[in-house]
Amino acid sequence: MKDKKILFMGTATFSKEVLEKLIENNYSIIAVVTQPDRYVGRKKEIKMPEVKEVALAHNIPVYQMQSIKQDYIELVELQPDLIITAAYGQIIPEALLESASIGAINVHASLLPMYRGGAPVHQAIIDGQDQTGVTIMYMVKQMDAGNIISQAKIDILDEYTTGVLYDLLATVGANLLIETLPSIIEGTNASISQDSDKVTFSPIITRDKEKIDFNKDARAVFNQVRGLNPWPVGYTIHKGNSVKLWSGFVYSGPKQFNNAKAGTIVDISSLGMVVSTGDGFYVIDEFQVAGKRRMFVKDFLNGNNLFFVGDVFE
């Protein structure tokens, strides 16, 4: 069973743990397909995807196509028995999916049919969901629309950011895949079609979605900030300048400022910057001014010559 040829496709940290679990369980990975190396940071240093690092450490061939739609023929020629994808980042051609004799499956970080698309973890937190999970599914031409093979659930706690939840789901997904894979290879697994009436989407986070909307209630602001942490990080505008918001919490007072315009700083103290919202107050406790390091408000107070009570975040 474990001699079946597996072509693995993935890029993000989520993918790394899934790949490591397959290797740990002695599955035969004939190649890893991932995104090209990227320039990162101010110094424009080249960084390879983490799955590439894992593959090279285990002498597994690596393919990095700029466009998988154009350069997939040599992958078909590998004649894989099974294709496994996990947060790969490109739409995979149908011809490649159909080239695997057993089929192609995806490890997706949501409870499908909810949150099809590229940002399911972000969106689950931003939407205030109290539960999410991982789905193992068959891949079809339509994105994330294939039959569901297995699922595992996990609660979303208030202290979870997207980064924390992403890591937890990577472990859940890797374990679920190992539990499910034998029946897929043997052809004994069941699967069910997705309920089209319950489909929701989670497209990649765009710049407009990164801006914090203080017109929403305090809880929604709280969810948006932690849902964008640690990437791409939510921001607001203060006196024409961008300010990243890393963390904060919902606050019940002060009552005397209940009529303040949404986005107004109504108090600054060791607690943080208290900002009025469409309903209630949100306390910013960690922020980052453009070009500067992240700071906690309590460490910023003594030298504060930037934020003042009465200022309004746009």
Protein backbone atom coordinates (compact mmCIF):
# COMPACT_ATOMS: atom_id res chain seq x y z
CA MET A 1 0.00 0.00 0.00
CA LYS A 2 2.73 2.49 0.94
CA ASP A 3 4.61 1.82 -2.29
CA LYS A 4 2.01 3.79 -4.25
CA LYS A 5 3.62 6.78 -5.98
CA ILE A 6 2.45 10.05 -4.41
CA LEU A 7 2.93 13.46 -5.99
CA PHE A 8 2.68 16.08 -3.24
CA MET A 9 1.77 19.71 -3.97
CA GLY A 10 1.93 22.42 -1.32
CA THR A 11 3.60 25.66 -0.33
CA ALA A 12 2.58 27.09 3.05
CA THR A 13 3.51 26.05 6.60
CA PHE A 14 0.27 24.06 6.64
CA SER A 15 1.66 21.97 3.76
CA LYS A 16 4.98 21.40 5.52
CA GLU A 17 3.45 19.50 8.42
CA VAL A 18 1.32 17.38 6.10
CA LEU A 19 4.37 16.45 4.02
CA GLU A 20 6.42 15.64 7.12
CA LYS A 21 3.67 13.33 8.36
CA LEU A 22 3.59 11.46 5.06
CA ILE A 23 7.36 10.99 5.15
CA GLU A 24 7.25 9.94 8.81
CA ASN A 25 4.73 7.24 7.89
CA ASN A 26 6.92 5.95 5.06
CA TYR A 27 4.72 6.89 2.12
CA SER A 28 6.48 7.01 -1.22
CA ILE A 29 6.71 10.66 -2.26
CA ILE A 30 8.07 10.70 -5.82
CA ALA A 31 8.17 14.51 -6.08
CA VAL A 32 7.11 17.72 -4.38
CA VAL A 33 5.59 20.60 -6.35
CA THR A 34 5.68 24.02 -4.73
CA GLN A 35 5.71 27.71 -5.60
CA PRO A 36 8.92 29.41 -6.79
CA ASP A 37 11.36 30.87 -4.26
CA ARG A 38 10.51 34.47 -3.39
CA TYR A 39 12.36 37.63 -2.44
CA VAL A 40 11.36 38.66 1.08
CA GLY A 41 12.07 41.53 3.48
CA ARG A 42 13.79 44.84 2.90
CA LYS A 43 17.04 43.10 1.98
CA LYS A 44 15.24 41.14 -0.72
CA GLU A 45 16.70 37.84 0.43
CA ILE A 46 15.59 34.75 -1.45
CA LYS A 47 13.44 32.42 0.66
CA MET A 48 12.38 28.95 -0.42
CA PRO A 49 9.02 27.47 0.61
CA GLU A 50 9.24 25.35 3.75
CA VAL A 51 8.02 22.26 1.93
CA LYS A 52 10.98 22.58 -0.41
CA GLU A 53 13.33 22.54 2.58
CA VAL A 54 11.67 19.34 3.84
CA ALA A 55 11.81 17.71 0.41
CA LEU A 56 15.50 18.50 -0.12
CA ALA A 57 16.32 17.21 3.37
CA HIS A 58 14.82 13.86 2.34
CA ASN A 59 16.27 13.83 -1.21
CA ILE A 60 12.85 14.21 -2.83
CA PRO A 61 12.84 15.92 -6.26
CA VAL A 62 11.29 19.41 -6.23
CA TYR A 63 9.41 21.15 -9.05
CA GLN A 64 8.67 24.89 -8.88
CA MET A 65 6.47 26.01 -11.72
CA GLN A 66 5.72 29.69 -12.16
CA SER A 67 2.50 28.62 -13.86
CA ILE A 68 1.29 25.07 -13.31
CA LYS A 69 -1.31 25.60 -16.05
CA GLN A 70 1.47 25.83 -18.62
CA ASP A 71 4.13 23.52 -17.18
CA TYR A 72 2.42 20.37 -15.97
CA ILE A 73 3.29 17.82 -18.66
CA GLU A 74 6.44 16.51 -16.96
CA LEU A 75 4.39 15.94 -13.80
CA VAL A 76 1.93 13.83 -15.79
CA GLU A 77 4.92 11.89 -17.13
CA LEU A 78 5.84 10.93 -13.54
CA GLN A 79 2.70 8.72 -13.64
CA PRO A 80 1.67 9.25 -10.01
CA ASP A 81 -0.78 6.87 -8.41
CA LEU A 82 -2.13 9.60 -6.13
CA ILE A 83 -1.89 13.39 -6.00
CA ILE A 84 -2.14 15.07 -2.60
CA THR A 85 -2.40 18.84 -2.33
CA ALA A 86 -2.38 21.08 0.74
CA ALA A 87 -2.36 24.88 0.45
CA TYR A 88 -0.51 24.76 -2.87
CA GLY A 89 -1.62 28.17 -4.15
CA GLN A 90 -2.38 27.59 -7.83
CA ILE A 91 -5.30 26.10 -9.74
CA ILE A 92 -4.24 22.63 -10.88
CA PRO A 93 -5.05 21.62 -14.48
CA GLU A 94 -7.72 18.98 -14.86
CA ALA A 95 -5.42 16.88 -17.05
CA LEU A 96 -2.93 16.59 -14.19
CA LEU A 97 -5.64 15.69 -11.68
CA GLU A 98 -6.88 12.95 -13.98
CA SER A 99 -3.39 11.54 -14.54
CA ALA A 100 -3.29 9.86 -11.12
CA SER A 101 -4.69 6.33 -11.23
CA ILE A 102 -6.15 6.47 -7.69
CA GLY A 103 -7.16 10.11 -7.93
CA ALA A 104 -6.30 13.52 -6.50
CA ILE A 105 -7.20 14.65 -2.99
CA ASN A 106 -6.88 17.93 -1.12
CA VAL A 107 -6.33 18.69 2.58
CA HIS A 108 -8.44 21.83 3.02
CA ALA A 109 -8.50 23.95 6.18
CA SER A 110 -12.25 24.33 6.61
CA LEU A 111 -15.39 22.30 7.14
CA LEU A 112 -16.55 22.22 3.55
CA PRO A 113 -18.81 23.30 1.97
CA MET A 114 -18.05 26.34 4.16
CA TYR A 115 -15.12 28.51 3.11
CA ARG A 116 -14.05 27.29 -0.27
CA GLY A 117 -11.05 29.27 -1.46
CA GLY A 118 -7.63 30.49 -0.40
CA ALA A 119 -8.22 32.08 3.02
CA PRO A 120 -10.49 29.75 5.01
CA VAL A 121 -8.65 30.18 8.32
CA HIS A 122 -8.64 33.97 8.14
CA GLN A 123 -12.30 34.11 7.20
CA ALA A 124 -13.50 31.74 9.90
CA ILE A 125 -11.99 33.99 12.58
CA ILE A 126 -13.05 37.24 10.91
CA ASP A 127 -16.62 35.94 10.70
CA GLY A 128 -16.60 35.07 14.41
CA GLN A 129 -17.07 31.33 13.93
CA ASP A 130 -16.66 29.27 17.10
CA GLN A 131 -15.64 26.13 15.22
CA THR A 132 -13.78 25.13 12.07
CA GLY A 133 -11.78 22.12 10.94
CA VAL A 134 -10.13 20.23 8.10
CA THR A 135 -11.66 18.39 5.16
CA ILE A 136 -10.08 15.65 3.06
CA MET A 137 -11.79 15.82 -0.33
CA TYR A 138 -11.51 14.60 -3.89
CA MET A 139 -10.33 17.26 -6.30
CA VAL A 140 -12.38 18.28 -9.31
CA LYS A 141 -12.14 21.06 -11.87
CA GLN A 142 -14.26 23.45 -9.77
CA MET A 143 -12.33 24.85 -6.80
CA ASP A 144 -12.88 22.95 -3.52
CA ALA A 145 -16.10 21.41 -4.86
CA GLY A 146 -15.23 17.72 -4.80
CA ASN A 147 -16.77 15.00 -2.67
CA ILE A 148 -15.94 15.02 1.04
CA ILE A 149 -14.04 11.96 2.27
CA SER A 150 -13.43 12.85 5.92
CA GLN A 151 -13.51 15.80 8.32
CA ALA A 152 -12.17 16.75 11.74
CA LYS A 153 -13.41 19.69 13.84
CA ILE A 154 -11.67 22.10 16.20
CA ASP A 155 -13.01 24.90 18.43
CA ILE A 156 -11.90 28.49 17.77
CA LEU A 157 -11.01 30.13 21.08
CA ASP A 158 -10.86 33.90 21.57
CA GLU A 159 -7.12 33.81 22.09
CA TYR A 160 -6.52 32.22 18.68
CA THR A 161 -5.09 34.36 15.91
CA THR A 162 -4.97 33.08 12.34
CA GLY A 163 -1.35 32.06 12.95
CA VAL A 164 -2.22 29.98 16.01
CA LEU A 165 -5.25 28.37 14.39
CA TYR A 166 -3.32 27.69 11.20
CA ASP A 167 -0.68 25.71 13.13
CA LEU A 168 -3.33 23.75 15.02
CA LEU A 169 -5.17 22.90 11.81
CA ALA A 170 -1.94 21.77 10.16
CA THR A 171 -1.58 19.14 12.89
CA VAL A 172 -5.24 18.18 12.66
CA GLY A 173 -5.00 17.94 8.88
CA ALA A 174 -1.82 15.87 8.89
CA ASN A 175 -3.27 13.39 11.37
CA LEU A 176 -6.60 13.20 9.53
CA LEU A 177 -4.81 12.47 6.26
CA ILE A 178 -2.83 9.62 7.79
CA GLU A 179 -6.04 8.17 9.25
CA THR A 180 -7.89 8.47 5.94
CA LEU A 181 -5.20 7.57 3.42
CA PRO A 182 -5.23 3.75 3.75
CA SER A 183 -8.90 3.50 2.77
CA ILE A 184 -8.37 5.90 -0.16
CA ILE A 185 -5.48 3.85 -1.52
CA GLU A 186 -7.39 0.60 -1.01
CA GLY A 187 -10.53 2.08 -2.62
CA THR A 188 -12.71 1.26 0.38
CA ASN A 189 -13.44 4.81 1.53
CA ALA A 190 -16.84 6.48 1.36
CA SER A 191 -17.43 10.04 0.20
CA ILE A 192 -20.35 12.43 0.09
CA SER A 193 -21.18 15.30 -2.23
CA GLN A 194 -21.19 18.82 -0.85
CA ASP A 195 -24.49 20.54 -0.09
CA SER A 196 -24.59 23.36 -2.66
CA ASP A 197 -27.04 25.33 -0.50
CA LYS A 198 -24.43 25.65 2.26
CA VAL A 199 -21.49 26.78 0.14
CA THR A 200 -19.60 29.88 1.32
CA PHE A 201 -16.35 31.35 -0.01
CA SER A 202 -13.12 32.69 1.44
CA PRO A 203 -11.15 34.41 -1.32
CA ILE A 204 -7.56 35.52 -0.77
CA ILE A 205 -7.38 38.57 1.53
CA THR A 206 -7.09 41.76 -0.52
CA ARG A 207 -5.81 45.14 0.66
CA ASP A 208 -9.29 46.56 1.14
CA LYS A 209 -10.15 43.71 3.52
CA GLU A 210 -7.08 44.47 5.62
CA LYS A 211 -8.41 47.88 6.69
CA ILE A 212 -10.05 47.74 10.11
CA ASP A 213 -13.64 48.98 10.07
CA PHE A 214 -14.38 50.71 13.37
CA ASN A 215 -17.97 51.28 12.23
CA LYS A 216 -18.58 47.61 13.04
CA ASP A 217 -19.21 46.55 16.62
CA ALA A 218 -16.29 45.97 18.99
CA ARG A 219 -16.52 42.19 18.71
CA ALA A 220 -16.31 42.34 14.91
CA VAL A 221 -13.24 44.61 15.15
CA PHE A 222 -11.66 42.16 17.60
CA ASN A 223 -12.29 39.28 15.19
CA GLN A 224 -10.96 41.20 12.20
CA VAL A 225 -7.71 42.16 13.95
CA ARG A 226 -6.92 38.64 15.18
CA GLY A 227 -8.10 37.15 11.89
CA LEU A 228 -5.42 39.17 10.07
CA ASN A 229 -2.64 38.34 12.56
CA PRO A 230 0.17 37.50 11.75
CA TRP A 231 -0.44 38.05 8.05
CA PRO A 232 -1.26 40.23 6.26
CA VAL A 233 -1.98 42.29 9.47
CA GLY A 234 -4.91 44.68 9.75
CA TYR A 235 -4.32 48.40 9.50
CA THR A 236 -5.98 51.74 10.06
CA ILE A 237 -5.18 55.29 8.99
CA HIS A 238 -4.12 57.93 11.52
CA LYS A 239 -3.51 61.48 10.25
CA GLY A 240 -2.81 60.13 6.78
CA ASN A 241 -0.38 57.44 7.95
CA SER A 242 -0.88 53.68 8.03
CA VAL A 243 -0.83 51.99 11.43
CA LYS A 244 -0.84 48.19 11.75
CA LEU A 245 -2.97 46.74 14.53
CA TRP A 246 -1.55 43.51 15.96
CA SER A 247 -3.78 42.82 18.93
CA GLY A 248 -6.41 44.17 21.29
CA PHE A 249 -9.61 43.27 23.09
CA VAL A 250 -13.23 44.25 23.61
CA TYR A 251 -13.79 46.71 26.46
CA SER A 252 -17.02 47.50 28.28
CA GLY A 253 -16.38 51.19 29.11
CA PRO A 254 -15.93 54.08 29.57
CA LYS A 255 -19.67 54.81 29.46
CA GLN A 256 -19.25 58.58 29.23
CA PHE A 257 -17.91 58.21 25.69
CA ASN A 258 -20.76 56.12 24.31
CA ASN A 259 -21.65 58.83 21.80
CA ALA A 260 -18.12 59.23 20.41
CA LYS A 261 -17.72 58.84 16.67
CA ALA A 262 -16.57 55.39 15.60
CA GLY A 263 -12.77 55.28 15.38
CA THR A 264 -12.19 57.95 18.03
CA ILE A 265 -9.47 57.44 20.65
CA VAL A 266 -11.35 58.12 23.90
CA ASP A 267 -8.61 57.14 26.34
CA ILE A 268 -4.90 56.21 26.39
CA SER A 269 -3.45 54.42 29.39
CA SER A 270 -1.44 51.37 30.40
CA LEU A 271 -4.55 49.41 29.37
CA GLY A 272 -4.03 50.52 25.78
CA MET A 273 -5.69 52.91 23.34
CA VAL A 274 -9.45 52.75 23.88
CA VAL A 275 -11.23 53.31 20.57
CA SER A 276 -14.97 53.75 20.05
CA THR A 277 -16.66 51.44 17.53
CA GLY A 278 -20.11 51.16 16.00
CA ASP A 279 -21.17 49.47 19.22
CA GLY A 280 -18.84 49.37 22.24
CA PHE A 281 -15.12 49.92 22.62
CA TYR A 282 -12.02 48.18 21.32
CA VAL A 283 -8.68 48.50 23.09
CA ILE A 284 -5.58 48.49 20.90
CA ASP A 285 -2.74 47.05 22.97
CA GLU A 286 -0.14 46.34 20.26
CA PHE A 287 0.44 48.36 17.11
CA GLN A 288 3.08 49.25 14.55
CA VAL A 289 3.69 52.61 12.94
CA ALA A 290 4.99 52.45 9.37
CA GLY A 291 8.74 51.93 9.33
CA LYS A 292 8.92 51.14 13.05
CA ARG A 293 8.90 47.97 15.14
CA ARG A 294 5.84 46.50 16.84
CA MET A 295 5.08 48.11 20.19
CA PHE A 296 2.77 47.60 23.13
CA VAL A 297 0.88 50.76 24.04
CA LYS A 298 2.06 50.49 27.67
CA ASP A 299 5.67 50.71 26.44
CA PHE A 300 4.85 53.62 24.17
CA LEU A 301 3.26 55.96 26.69
CA ASN A 302 6.30 57.88 27.94
CA GLY A 303 7.44 58.93 24.49
CA ASN A 304 3.99 59.38 22.96
CA ASN A 305 3.92 62.35 20.64
CA LEU A 306 1.79 60.71 17.99
CA PHE A 307 -1.57 59.52 19.38
CA PHE A 308 -3.84 61.73 21.48
CA VAL A 309 -7.31 61.43 22.99
CA GLY A 310 -9.77 62.77 20.43
CA ASP A 311 -7.81 61.58 17.39
CA VAL A 312 -9.88 59.60 14.92
CA PHE A 313 -8.76 56.54 12.99
CA GLU A 314 -10.13 56.74 9.45
